[in-house]
Amino acid sequence: MAKTIYEKIADKALKDAEEIIRLGREKAQKIEEEIISEAEATIRKNLERARLQGEEYVKTKTTELEQKAKQEILQAKKDLISSVFLSALDELNALSDEKLGELVKKLILSEKLKGNELILVNARDRERYIRLFSEGRKDGEAIILDKLNRSLGKDFNLRLGSEPAKISGGFLIVGDTFDVDMSFETLLRGLEEKHETAIAEILFARGE
């Protein structure tokens, strides 16, 4: 039996609908694939960025830790060097009378002095300097260091001042035009600054 015009129209409409559905499905699948592809690309890009950031973070932290370790090692070395000089300061303050006398004479002769300067020492060492370097005669409030002057030469007339110096050991030379700091701490500090590198090489010969 032949199809009526209405049946033919219905069949055509059904086929068209099926084609539209098929095309829609293909387009939807294509869109889905594009979305998935873009998402995967974005994920890969983010993962790569995260990896690079992670590597940079690790590198930065490693550098920071290395620098901190080097600073701590350097500070430890400086502390050790300082402890060496502190020990030397203790030894200087514990010198025998004979060695102290030789050192005082050597330090004074190392400077170009007029010879009439005033010597100042701390309160603890004052009586010792009087005993070692003076016969007890006074020049006003100062003590004449006649024993020391005789050992230094005829041009010296040094005196020991009454004012105590704020130093741990050694002495200060007070003159009319300039003063000289011969305190043990200042002398050792100068040696430390001058020879710190050489001392470090001796103490840490094996390197870091």
N, C-alpha and C. Protein backbone atom coordinates (compact mmCIF):
# COMPACT_ATOMS: atom_id res chain seq x y z
N MET A 1 0.85 -1.19 0.00
CA MET A 1 0.00 0.00 0.00
C MET A 1 0.88 1.24 0.00
N ALA A 2 0.61 2.12 -0.91
CA ALA A 2 1.42 3.32 -1.04
C ALA A 2 1.20 4.24 0.15
N LYS A 3 2.35 4.92 0.55
CA LYS A 3 2.27 5.84 1.69
C LYS A 3 1.58 7.11 1.27
N THR A 4 0.86 7.60 2.20
CA THR A 4 0.18 8.86 1.94
C THR A 4 1.19 9.98 2.06
N ILE A 5 0.81 11.11 1.60
CA ILE A 5 1.67 12.29 1.68
C ILE A 5 2.03 12.63 3.11
N TYR A 6 1.10 12.38 3.99
CA TYR A 6 1.35 12.69 5.41
C TYR A 6 2.39 11.74 6.00
N GLU A 7 2.30 10.46 5.58
CA GLU A 7 3.27 9.49 6.08
C GLU A 7 4.67 9.81 5.55
N LYS A 8 4.71 10.22 4.27
CA LYS A 8 6.00 10.59 3.70
C LYS A 8 6.60 11.79 4.45
N ILE A 9 5.75 12.76 4.76
CA ILE A 9 6.22 13.94 5.50
C ILE A 9 6.72 13.53 6.88
N ALA A 10 5.99 12.62 7.52
CA ALA A 10 6.37 12.16 8.86
C ALA A 10 7.70 11.42 8.81
N ASP A 11 7.86 10.55 7.77
CA ASP A 11 9.13 9.82 7.63
C ASP A 11 10.29 10.79 7.43
N LYS A 12 10.04 11.79 6.57
CA LYS A 12 11.10 12.78 6.31
C LYS A 12 11.44 13.54 7.58
N ALA A 13 10.45 13.91 8.33
CA ALA A 13 10.67 14.65 9.58
C ALA A 13 11.45 13.79 10.57
N LEU A 14 11.12 12.48 10.61
CA LEU A 14 11.80 11.57 11.53
C LEU A 14 13.27 11.43 11.16
N LYS A 15 13.51 11.26 9.83
CA LYS A 15 14.90 11.15 9.38
C LYS A 15 15.68 12.42 9.68
N ASP A 16 15.02 13.57 9.41
CA ASP A 16 15.69 14.84 9.70
C ASP A 16 16.01 14.97 11.19
N ALA A 17 15.05 14.53 12.00
CA ALA A 17 15.27 14.61 13.45
C ALA A 17 16.42 13.72 13.88
N GLU A 18 16.46 12.50 13.29
CA GLU A 18 17.54 11.57 13.62
C GLU A 18 18.90 12.14 13.20
N GLU A 19 18.92 12.79 12.02
CA GLU A 19 20.17 13.40 11.53
C GLU A 19 20.61 14.53 12.44
N ILE A 20 19.61 15.33 12.84
CA ILE A 20 19.92 16.45 13.75
C ILE A 20 20.48 15.92 15.07
N ILE A 21 19.84 14.84 15.56
CA ILE A 21 20.31 14.25 16.82
C ILE A 21 21.73 13.72 16.67
N ARG A 22 21.97 13.04 15.49
CA ARG A 22 23.31 12.48 15.25
C ARG A 22 24.36 13.58 15.19
N LEU A 23 24.03 14.63 14.42
CA LEU A 23 24.96 15.75 14.31
C LEU A 23 25.18 16.42 15.67
N GLY A 24 24.09 16.51 16.42
CA GLY A 24 24.19 17.12 17.75
C GLY A 24 25.10 16.32 18.66
N ARG A 25 24.93 14.98 18.56
CA ARG A 25 25.78 14.12 19.38
C ARG A 25 27.25 14.24 18.99
N GLU A 26 27.50 14.27 17.66
CA GLU A 26 28.88 14.41 17.19
C GLU A 26 29.48 15.74 17.65
N LYS A 27 28.66 16.80 17.52
CA LYS A 27 29.15 18.12 17.93
C LYS A 27 29.40 18.16 19.44
N ALA A 28 28.47 17.55 20.18
CA ALA A 28 28.62 17.51 21.64
C ALA A 28 29.87 16.73 22.03
N GLN A 29 30.09 15.59 21.31
CA GLN A 29 31.27 14.79 21.60
C GLN A 29 32.55 15.56 21.28
N LYS A 30 32.51 16.30 20.15
CA LYS A 30 33.67 17.09 19.75
C LYS A 30 33.96 18.18 20.78
N ILE A 31 32.88 18.84 21.22
CA ILE A 31 33.03 19.88 22.25
C ILE A 31 33.59 19.29 23.53
N GLU A 32 33.06 18.10 23.88
CA GLU A 32 33.53 17.42 25.10
C GLU A 32 35.01 17.09 24.99
N GLU A 33 35.41 16.59 23.80
CA GLU A 33 36.82 16.24 23.59
C GLU A 33 37.71 17.49 23.67
N GLU A 34 37.21 18.60 23.10
CA GLU A 34 37.98 19.84 23.15
C GLU A 34 38.13 20.33 24.59
N ILE A 35 37.02 20.23 25.33
CA ILE A 35 37.07 20.66 26.74
C ILE A 35 38.05 19.80 27.53
N ILE A 36 37.98 18.48 27.29
CA ILE A 36 38.88 17.57 28.00
C ILE A 36 40.33 17.85 27.61
N SER A 37 40.56 18.09 26.30
CA SER A 37 41.91 18.38 25.82
C SER A 37 42.46 19.66 26.44
N GLU A 38 41.62 20.70 26.46
CA GLU A 38 42.04 21.96 27.07
C GLU A 38 42.30 21.79 28.56
N ALA A 39 41.44 21.01 29.22
CA ALA A 39 41.62 20.77 30.65
C ALA A 39 42.93 20.04 30.92
N GLU A 40 43.21 19.02 30.08
CA GLU A 40 44.45 18.27 30.24
C GLU A 40 45.67 19.17 30.01
N ALA A 41 45.58 20.05 28.99
CA ALA A 41 46.68 20.98 28.71
C ALA A 41 46.89 21.94 29.89
N THR A 42 45.77 22.42 30.43
CA THR A 42 45.85 23.32 31.58
C THR A 42 46.47 22.62 32.79
N ILE A 43 46.04 21.37 32.99
CA ILE A 43 46.58 20.59 34.12
C ILE A 43 48.08 20.38 33.94
N ARG A 44 48.48 20.01 32.70
CA ARG A 44 49.92 19.80 32.45
C ARG A 44 50.71 21.09 32.68
N LYS A 45 50.14 22.21 32.21
CA LYS A 45 50.80 23.49 32.37
C LYS A 45 50.94 23.85 33.85
N ASN A 46 49.85 23.63 34.60
CA ASN A 46 49.88 23.93 36.04
C ASN A 46 50.85 23.02 36.78
N LEU A 47 50.87 21.74 36.36
CA LEU A 47 51.80 20.81 36.99
C LEU A 47 53.25 21.21 36.71
N GLU A 48 53.52 21.63 35.47
CA GLU A 48 54.87 22.06 35.11
C GLU A 48 55.26 23.31 35.89
N ARG A 49 54.30 24.26 35.99
CA ARG A 49 54.56 25.47 36.76
C ARG A 49 54.83 25.14 38.22
N ALA A 50 54.00 24.22 38.75
CA ALA A 50 54.19 23.81 40.15
C ALA A 50 55.53 23.13 40.34
N ARG A 51 55.93 22.31 39.35
CA ARG A 51 57.22 21.63 39.44
C ARG A 51 58.37 22.63 39.44
N LEU A 52 58.29 23.61 38.52
CA LEU A 52 59.34 24.63 38.45
C LEU A 52 59.37 25.47 39.72
N GLN A 53 58.18 25.82 40.22
CA GLN A 53 58.13 26.59 41.46
C GLN A 53 58.70 25.78 42.62
N GLY A 54 58.38 24.47 42.61
CA GLY A 54 58.92 23.60 43.66
C GLY A 54 60.43 23.52 43.60
N GLU A 55 60.96 23.38 42.38
CA GLU A 55 62.42 23.32 42.22
C GLU A 55 63.06 24.64 42.66
N GLU A 56 62.43 25.76 42.29
CA GLU A 56 62.96 27.07 42.67
C GLU A 56 62.91 27.25 44.18
N TYR A 57 61.82 26.77 44.79
CA TYR A 57 61.67 26.87 46.25
C TYR A 57 62.76 26.06 46.95
N VAL A 58 62.95 24.83 46.45
CA VAL A 58 63.98 23.97 47.04
C VAL A 58 65.36 24.60 46.86
N LYS A 59 65.60 25.15 45.66
CA LYS A 59 66.89 25.79 45.39
C LYS A 59 67.11 26.98 46.30
N THR A 60 66.05 27.80 46.45
CA THR A 60 66.15 28.98 47.31
C THR A 60 66.39 28.59 48.76
N LYS A 61 65.62 27.60 49.23
CA LYS A 61 65.77 27.15 50.61
C LYS A 61 67.15 26.54 50.84
N THR A 62 67.62 25.78 49.84
CA THR A 62 68.95 25.18 49.96
C THR A 62 70.01 26.26 50.06
N THR A 63 69.88 27.28 49.21
CA THR A 63 70.84 28.40 49.25
C THR A 63 70.78 29.11 50.59
N GLU A 64 69.57 29.34 51.08
CA GLU A 64 69.42 30.01 52.38
C GLU A 64 70.06 29.20 53.49
N LEU A 65 69.82 27.89 53.47
CA LEU A 65 70.40 27.02 54.50
C LEU A 65 71.92 26.99 54.40
N GLU A 66 72.43 26.95 53.17
CA GLU A 66 73.88 26.95 52.98
C GLU A 66 74.50 28.25 53.49
N GLN A 67 73.85 29.37 53.16
CA GLN A 67 74.35 30.67 53.62
C GLN A 67 74.30 30.77 55.14
N LYS A 68 73.19 30.27 55.71
CA LYS A 68 73.06 30.30 57.17
C LYS A 68 74.13 29.44 57.82
N ALA A 69 74.38 28.27 57.23
CA ALA A 69 75.41 27.37 57.77
C ALA A 69 76.78 28.03 57.69
N LYS A 70 77.07 28.69 56.55
CA LYS A 70 78.36 29.36 56.39
C LYS A 70 78.51 30.49 57.41
N GLN A 71 77.42 31.24 57.63
CA GLN A 71 77.46 32.33 58.60
C GLN A 71 77.70 31.79 60.01
N GLU A 72 77.05 30.67 60.33
CA GLU A 72 77.22 30.08 61.65
C GLU A 72 78.65 29.57 61.83
N ILE A 73 79.20 28.97 60.77
CA ILE A 73 80.58 28.48 60.82
C ILE A 73 81.54 29.65 60.99
N LEU A 74 81.30 30.73 60.22
CA LEU A 74 82.15 31.91 60.31
C LEU A 74 82.10 32.51 61.70
N GLN A 75 80.88 32.60 62.27
CA GLN A 75 80.74 33.16 63.61
C GLN A 75 81.43 32.27 64.64
N ALA A 76 81.32 30.95 64.46
CA ALA A 76 81.97 30.02 65.38
C ALA A 76 83.49 30.20 65.32
N LYS A 77 84.01 30.41 64.11
CA LYS A 77 85.45 30.63 63.95
C LYS A 77 85.87 31.93 64.63
N LYS A 78 85.07 32.99 64.42
CA LYS A 78 85.39 34.27 65.06
C LYS A 78 85.35 34.15 66.57
N ASP A 79 84.35 33.41 67.07
CA ASP A 79 84.24 33.22 68.52
C ASP A 79 85.46 32.46 69.06
N LEU A 80 85.91 31.46 68.29
CA LEU A 80 87.07 30.69 68.72
C LEU A 80 88.32 31.56 68.73
N ILE A 81 88.48 32.38 67.67
CA ILE A 81 89.63 33.28 67.61
C ILE A 81 89.58 34.26 68.78
N SER A 82 88.38 34.79 69.07
CA SER A 82 88.24 35.72 70.19
C SER A 82 88.59 35.04 71.51
N SER A 83 88.20 33.76 71.64
CA SER A 83 88.51 33.04 72.87
C SER A 83 90.02 32.85 73.03
N VAL A 84 90.72 32.69 71.88
CA VAL A 84 92.18 32.57 71.92
C VAL A 84 92.79 33.85 72.48
N PHE A 85 92.27 35.00 72.03
CA PHE A 85 92.81 36.27 72.50
C PHE A 85 92.39 36.57 73.94
N LEU A 86 91.22 36.09 74.34
CA LEU A 86 90.82 36.25 75.74
C LEU A 86 91.74 35.45 76.65
N SER A 87 92.13 34.27 76.18
CA SER A 87 93.09 33.47 76.95
C SER A 87 94.43 34.18 77.02
N ALA A 88 94.82 34.81 75.90
CA ALA A 88 96.08 35.57 75.89
C ALA A 88 96.01 36.75 76.86
N LEU A 89 94.82 37.39 76.94
CA LEU A 89 94.64 38.50 77.87
C LEU A 89 94.81 38.03 79.31
N ASP A 90 94.24 36.87 79.61
CA ASP A 90 94.39 36.31 80.96
C ASP A 90 95.86 36.03 81.27
N GLU A 91 96.58 35.52 80.27
CA GLU A 91 98.00 35.21 80.48
C GLU A 91 98.81 36.49 80.70
N LEU A 92 98.49 37.54 79.96
CA LEU A 92 99.20 38.81 80.14
C LEU A 92 98.96 39.38 81.54
N ASN A 93 97.72 39.28 81.99
CA ASN A 93 97.41 39.80 83.32
C ASN A 93 98.02 38.95 84.44
N ALA A 94 98.49 37.76 84.08
CA ALA A 94 99.10 36.87 85.08
C ALA A 94 100.62 36.79 84.92
N LEU A 95 101.22 37.73 84.19
CA LEU A 95 102.67 37.71 83.98
C LEU A 95 103.42 37.85 85.31
N SER A 96 104.56 37.23 85.36
CA SER A 96 105.41 37.38 86.54
C SER A 96 105.96 38.80 86.58
N ASP A 97 106.48 39.22 87.73
CA ASP A 97 107.04 40.57 87.87
C ASP A 97 108.14 40.81 86.85
N GLU A 98 108.99 39.82 86.67
CA GLU A 98 110.12 39.98 85.74
C GLU A 98 109.64 40.18 84.31
N LYS A 99 108.70 39.34 83.87
CA LYS A 99 108.21 39.45 82.50
C LYS A 99 107.38 40.71 82.29
N LEU A 100 106.63 41.12 83.31
CA LEU A 100 105.87 42.36 83.19
C LEU A 100 106.81 43.54 83.05
N GLY A 101 107.89 43.55 83.84
CA GLY A 101 108.87 44.64 83.76
C GLY A 101 109.49 44.73 82.37
N GLU A 102 109.84 43.59 81.80
CA GLU A 102 110.42 43.57 80.46
C GLU A 102 109.42 44.07 79.42
N LEU A 103 108.16 43.65 79.56
CA LEU A 103 107.13 44.04 78.59
C LEU A 103 106.86 45.54 78.67
N VAL A 104 106.73 46.08 79.87
CA VAL A 104 106.47 47.52 80.04
C VAL A 104 107.59 48.34 79.41
N LYS A 105 108.81 47.94 79.68
CA LYS A 105 109.97 48.65 79.12
C LYS A 105 109.96 48.59 77.59
N LYS A 106 109.69 47.42 77.04
CA LYS A 106 109.67 47.24 75.58
C LYS A 106 108.57 48.08 74.94
N LEU A 107 107.39 48.12 75.55
CA LEU A 107 106.28 48.88 74.98
C LEU A 107 106.56 50.38 75.01
N ILE A 108 107.15 50.86 76.10
CA ILE A 108 107.45 52.29 76.20
C ILE A 108 108.50 52.69 75.17
N LEU A 109 109.53 51.87 75.01
CA LEU A 109 110.60 52.18 74.05
C LEU A 109 110.13 52.07 72.60
N SER A 110 109.00 51.41 72.37
CA SER A 110 108.48 51.28 71.00
C SER A 110 107.82 52.57 70.52
N GLU A 111 107.59 53.53 71.45
CA GLU A 111 106.97 54.80 71.10
C GLU A 111 107.98 55.94 71.22
N LYS A 112 107.79 56.97 70.40
CA LYS A 112 108.64 58.15 70.48
C LYS A 112 108.02 59.12 71.48
N LEU A 113 108.51 59.08 72.70
CA LEU A 113 107.95 59.88 73.78
C LEU A 113 108.89 61.02 74.16
N LYS A 114 108.32 62.05 74.77
CA LYS A 114 109.16 63.13 75.30
C LYS A 114 109.94 62.66 76.52
N GLY A 115 109.32 61.78 77.29
CA GLY A 115 109.98 61.24 78.46
C GLY A 115 109.39 61.72 79.77
N ASN A 116 108.51 62.73 79.70
CA ASN A 116 107.92 63.28 80.93
C ASN A 116 106.44 62.93 81.06
N GLU A 117 106.01 61.89 80.37
CA GLU A 117 104.59 61.52 80.34
C GLU A 117 104.14 60.91 81.67
N LEU A 118 102.82 60.82 81.79
CA LEU A 118 102.19 60.23 82.97
C LEU A 118 101.69 58.83 82.61
N ILE A 119 101.96 57.88 83.46
CA ILE A 119 101.51 56.50 83.26
C ILE A 119 100.28 56.25 84.13
N LEU A 120 99.23 55.69 83.52
CA LEU A 120 98.03 55.34 84.28
C LEU A 120 97.78 53.84 84.18
N VAL A 121 97.46 53.22 85.31
CA VAL A 121 97.13 51.79 85.34
C VAL A 121 95.82 51.62 86.09
N ASN A 122 95.27 50.41 86.05
CA ASN A 122 94.02 50.18 86.79
C ASN A 122 94.31 50.10 88.30
N ALA A 123 93.26 50.18 89.08
CA ALA A 123 93.41 50.22 90.53
C ALA A 123 94.07 48.96 91.07
N ARG A 124 93.80 47.81 90.43
CA ARG A 124 94.36 46.55 90.90
C ARG A 124 95.87 46.50 90.74
N ASP A 125 96.39 47.08 89.65
CA ASP A 125 97.82 46.99 89.35
C ASP A 125 98.64 48.13 89.94
N ARG A 126 98.01 49.13 90.51
CA ARG A 126 98.74 50.33 90.96
C ARG A 126 99.86 50.00 91.94
N GLU A 127 99.56 49.25 93.00
CA GLU A 127 100.58 48.93 94.00
C GLU A 127 101.70 48.09 93.40
N ARG A 128 101.35 47.24 92.46
CA ARG A 128 102.38 46.42 91.81
C ARG A 128 103.34 47.28 91.00
N TYR A 129 102.83 48.26 90.26
CA TYR A 129 103.68 49.15 89.47
C TYR A 129 104.57 49.99 90.39
N ILE A 130 104.02 50.42 91.52
CA ILE A 130 104.83 51.19 92.47
C ILE A 130 105.97 50.33 93.00
N ARG A 131 105.65 49.09 93.33
CA ARG A 131 106.67 48.18 93.88
C ARG A 131 107.74 47.85 92.84
N LEU A 132 107.34 47.64 91.60
CA LEU A 132 108.29 47.24 90.56
C LEU A 132 109.10 48.40 90.00
N PHE A 133 108.48 49.57 89.87
CA PHE A 133 109.10 50.64 89.08
C PHE A 133 109.41 51.92 89.86
N SER A 134 109.19 51.93 91.17
CA SER A 134 109.40 53.17 91.92
C SER A 134 110.04 52.90 93.28
N GLU A 135 110.74 53.93 93.76
CA GLU A 135 111.28 53.87 95.12
C GLU A 135 110.36 54.59 96.10
N GLY A 136 109.20 55.03 95.58
CA GLY A 136 108.18 55.60 96.45
C GLY A 136 108.17 57.11 96.53
N ARG A 137 109.07 57.78 95.83
CA ARG A 137 109.10 59.25 95.89
C ARG A 137 107.95 59.83 95.07
N LYS A 138 107.44 60.96 95.53
CA LYS A 138 106.28 61.57 94.88
C LYS A 138 106.63 62.88 94.18
N ASP A 139 105.80 63.20 93.20
CA ASP A 139 105.84 64.50 92.52
C ASP A 139 104.40 65.00 92.52
N GLY A 140 104.03 65.70 93.60
CA GLY A 140 102.64 66.06 93.79
C GLY A 140 101.85 64.81 94.14
N GLU A 141 100.78 64.56 93.42
CA GLU A 141 100.00 63.34 93.66
C GLU A 141 100.54 62.15 92.87
N ALA A 142 101.45 62.40 91.95
CA ALA A 142 102.01 61.33 91.12
C ALA A 142 103.20 60.68 91.82
N ILE A 143 103.43 59.43 91.46
CA ILE A 143 104.56 58.67 91.97
C ILE A 143 105.65 58.65 90.90
N ILE A 144 106.88 59.03 91.28
CA ILE A 144 107.98 59.02 90.32
C ILE A 144 108.41 57.58 90.07
N LEU A 145 108.46 57.20 88.82
CA LEU A 145 108.85 55.83 88.45
C LEU A 145 110.36 55.79 88.20
N ASP A 146 111.13 56.07 89.25
CA ASP A 146 112.58 56.23 89.09
C ASP A 146 113.28 54.94 88.68
N LYS A 147 112.83 53.81 89.19
CA LYS A 147 113.45 52.54 88.78
C LYS A 147 113.26 52.30 87.29
N LEU A 148 112.06 52.55 86.82
CA LEU A 148 111.76 52.36 85.40
C LEU A 148 112.53 53.37 84.56
N ASN A 149 112.59 54.62 85.03
CA ASN A 149 113.28 55.67 84.28
C ASN A 149 114.76 55.34 84.09
N ARG A 150 115.39 54.82 85.12
CA ARG A 150 116.81 54.48 85.02
C ARG A 150 117.05 53.37 83.99
N SER A 151 116.10 52.43 83.93
CA SER A 151 116.27 51.32 82.98
C SER A 151 115.99 51.78 81.54
N LEU A 152 115.22 52.85 81.39
CA LEU A 152 114.88 53.35 80.05
C LEU A 152 115.94 54.29 79.49
N GLY A 153 116.61 55.04 80.35
CA GLY A 153 117.62 55.99 79.88
C GLY A 153 117.48 57.34 80.55
N LYS A 154 118.50 58.18 80.37
CA LYS A 154 118.57 59.46 81.09
C LYS A 154 117.49 60.46 80.67
N ASP A 155 116.86 60.27 79.53
CA ASP A 155 115.87 61.24 79.05
C ASP A 155 114.46 60.98 79.60
N PHE A 156 114.32 60.00 80.47
CA PHE A 156 112.98 59.64 80.95
C PHE A 156 112.74 60.11 82.38
N ASN A 157 111.56 60.69 82.57
CA ASN A 157 111.11 61.10 83.90
C ASN A 157 109.61 60.79 84.01
N LEU A 158 109.30 59.53 83.82
CA LEU A 158 107.91 59.09 83.84
C LEU A 158 107.38 59.05 85.26
N ARG A 159 106.09 59.32 85.39
CA ARG A 159 105.44 59.29 86.70
C ARG A 159 104.16 58.47 86.61
N LEU A 160 103.76 57.91 87.73
CA LEU A 160 102.53 57.12 87.81
C LEU A 160 101.42 57.99 88.35
N GLY A 161 100.37 58.19 87.55
CA GLY A 161 99.26 59.04 87.96
C GLY A 161 98.41 58.39 89.04
N SER A 162 97.68 59.23 89.77
CA SER A 162 96.84 58.73 90.87
C SER A 162 95.47 58.25 90.38
N GLU A 163 95.07 58.71 89.21
CA GLU A 163 93.74 58.34 88.69
C GLU A 163 93.79 56.94 88.08
N PRO A 164 92.92 56.03 88.52
CA PRO A 164 92.93 54.67 87.96
C PRO A 164 92.38 54.64 86.53
N ALA A 165 93.01 53.86 85.69
CA ALA A 165 92.55 53.72 84.30
C ALA A 165 91.50 52.61 84.21
N LYS A 166 90.54 52.81 83.35
CA LYS A 166 89.47 51.81 83.18
C LYS A 166 89.89 50.79 82.12
N ILE A 167 90.88 50.00 82.48
CA ILE A 167 91.40 48.96 81.59
C ILE A 167 91.60 47.70 82.41
N SER A 168 91.69 46.55 81.74
CA SER A 168 91.85 45.30 82.47
C SER A 168 93.31 45.01 82.81
N GLY A 169 94.22 45.58 82.03
CA GLY A 169 95.64 45.36 82.26
C GLY A 169 96.45 46.21 81.32
N GLY A 170 97.78 46.26 81.56
CA GLY A 170 98.61 47.15 80.76
C GLY A 170 98.56 48.55 81.32
N PHE A 171 98.75 49.56 80.47
CA PHE A 171 98.81 50.93 80.97
C PHE A 171 98.48 51.92 79.86
N LEU A 172 98.22 53.15 80.26
CA LEU A 172 98.01 54.26 79.34
C LEU A 172 99.13 55.26 79.53
N ILE A 173 99.58 55.85 78.43
CA ILE A 173 100.60 56.90 78.48
C ILE A 173 99.91 58.22 78.15
N VAL A 174 99.93 59.15 79.09
CA VAL A 174 99.26 60.43 78.91
C VAL A 174 100.32 61.51 78.74
N GLY A 175 100.32 62.16 77.57
CA GLY A 175 101.31 63.19 77.29
C GLY A 175 100.68 64.56 77.10
N ASP A 176 101.52 65.56 76.86
CA ASP A 176 101.03 66.93 76.66
C ASP A 176 100.31 67.07 75.32
N THR A 177 100.78 66.35 74.30
CA THR A 177 100.22 66.51 72.96
C THR A 177 99.45 65.29 72.47
N PHE A 178 99.75 64.11 73.00
CA PHE A 178 99.02 62.91 72.57
C PHE A 178 99.12 61.84 73.65
N ASP A 179 98.17 60.91 73.59
CA ASP A 179 98.14 59.79 74.53
C ASP A 179 98.37 58.49 73.75
N VAL A 180 98.86 57.49 74.45
CA VAL A 180 99.08 56.19 73.83
C VAL A 180 98.40 55.12 74.69
N ASP A 181 97.58 54.30 74.03
CA ASP A 181 96.86 53.23 74.73
C ASP A 181 97.69 51.94 74.66
N MET A 182 98.29 51.58 75.78
CA MET A 182 99.06 50.35 75.86
C MET A 182 98.35 49.31 76.73
N SER A 183 97.03 49.44 76.81
CA SER A 183 96.27 48.44 77.56
C SER A 183 96.35 47.11 76.83
N PHE A 184 96.34 46.04 77.59
CA PHE A 184 96.49 44.72 76.98
C PHE A 184 95.35 44.42 76.01
N GLU A 185 94.13 44.83 76.37
CA GLU A 185 93.00 44.53 75.49
C GLU A 185 93.12 45.25 74.14
N THR A 186 93.62 46.49 74.17
CA THR A 186 93.80 47.23 72.91
C THR A 186 94.91 46.63 72.07
N LEU A 187 96.01 46.25 72.72
CA LEU A 187 97.12 45.63 72.00
C LEU A 187 96.68 44.32 71.35
N LEU A 188 95.94 43.52 72.09
CA LEU A 188 95.48 42.23 71.54
C LEU A 188 94.44 42.43 70.45
N ARG A 189 93.59 43.44 70.62
CA ARG A 189 92.58 43.71 69.59
C ARG A 189 93.26 44.10 68.27
N GLY A 190 94.31 44.89 68.37
CA GLY A 190 95.05 45.27 67.17
C GLY A 190 95.70 44.07 66.51
N LEU A 191 96.26 43.18 67.32
CA LEU A 191 96.87 41.97 66.77
C LEU A 191 95.82 41.07 66.14
N GLU A 192 94.66 40.99 66.78
CA GLU A 192 93.58 40.15 66.25
C GLU A 192 93.12 40.65 64.89
N GLU A 193 92.93 41.97 64.77
CA GLU A 193 92.48 42.54 63.50
C GLU A 193 93.54 42.38 62.42
N LYS A 194 94.80 42.51 62.80
CA LYS A 194 95.89 42.45 61.83
C LYS A 194 96.15 41.03 61.36
N HIS A 195 96.04 40.06 62.27
CA HIS A 195 96.44 38.70 61.94
C HIS A 195 95.29 37.70 61.95
N GLU A 196 94.05 38.20 61.91
CA GLU A 196 92.89 37.30 62.01
C GLU A 196 92.90 36.24 60.90
N THR A 197 93.20 36.66 59.67
CA THR A 197 93.20 35.71 58.55
C THR A 197 94.25 34.63 58.74
N ALA A 198 95.46 35.05 59.12
CA ALA A 198 96.54 34.09 59.31
C ALA A 198 96.23 33.14 60.46
N ILE A 199 95.65 33.67 61.52
CA ILE A 199 95.30 32.84 62.67
C ILE A 199 94.22 31.84 62.28
N ALA A 200 93.25 32.30 61.50
CA ALA A 200 92.17 31.41 61.05
C ALA A 200 92.73 30.28 60.19
N GLU A 201 93.70 30.60 59.35
CA GLU A 201 94.31 29.57 58.50
C GLU A 201 95.02 28.51 59.34
N ILE A 202 95.63 28.95 60.43
CA ILE A 202 96.33 28.01 61.32
C ILE A 202 95.32 27.15 62.08
N LEU A 203 94.28 27.80 62.62
CA LEU A 203 93.30 27.08 63.42
C LEU A 203 92.43 26.16 62.58
N PHE A 204 92.16 26.57 61.33
CA PHE A 204 91.23 25.82 60.50
C PHE A 204 91.91 25.40 59.20
N ALA A 205 93.09 24.83 59.33
CA ALA A 205 93.90 24.48 58.16
C ALA A 205 93.21 23.47 57.26
N ARG A 206 92.31 22.67 57.81
CA ARG A 206 91.62 21.65 57.01
C ARG A 206 90.43 22.20 56.25
N GLY A 207 90.14 23.47 56.42
CA GLY A 207 89.01 24.06 55.70
C GLY A 207 87.72 23.83 56.42
N GLU A 208 86.64 24.28 55.76
CA GLU A 208 85.31 24.18 56.36
C GLU A 208 84.81 22.75 56.32
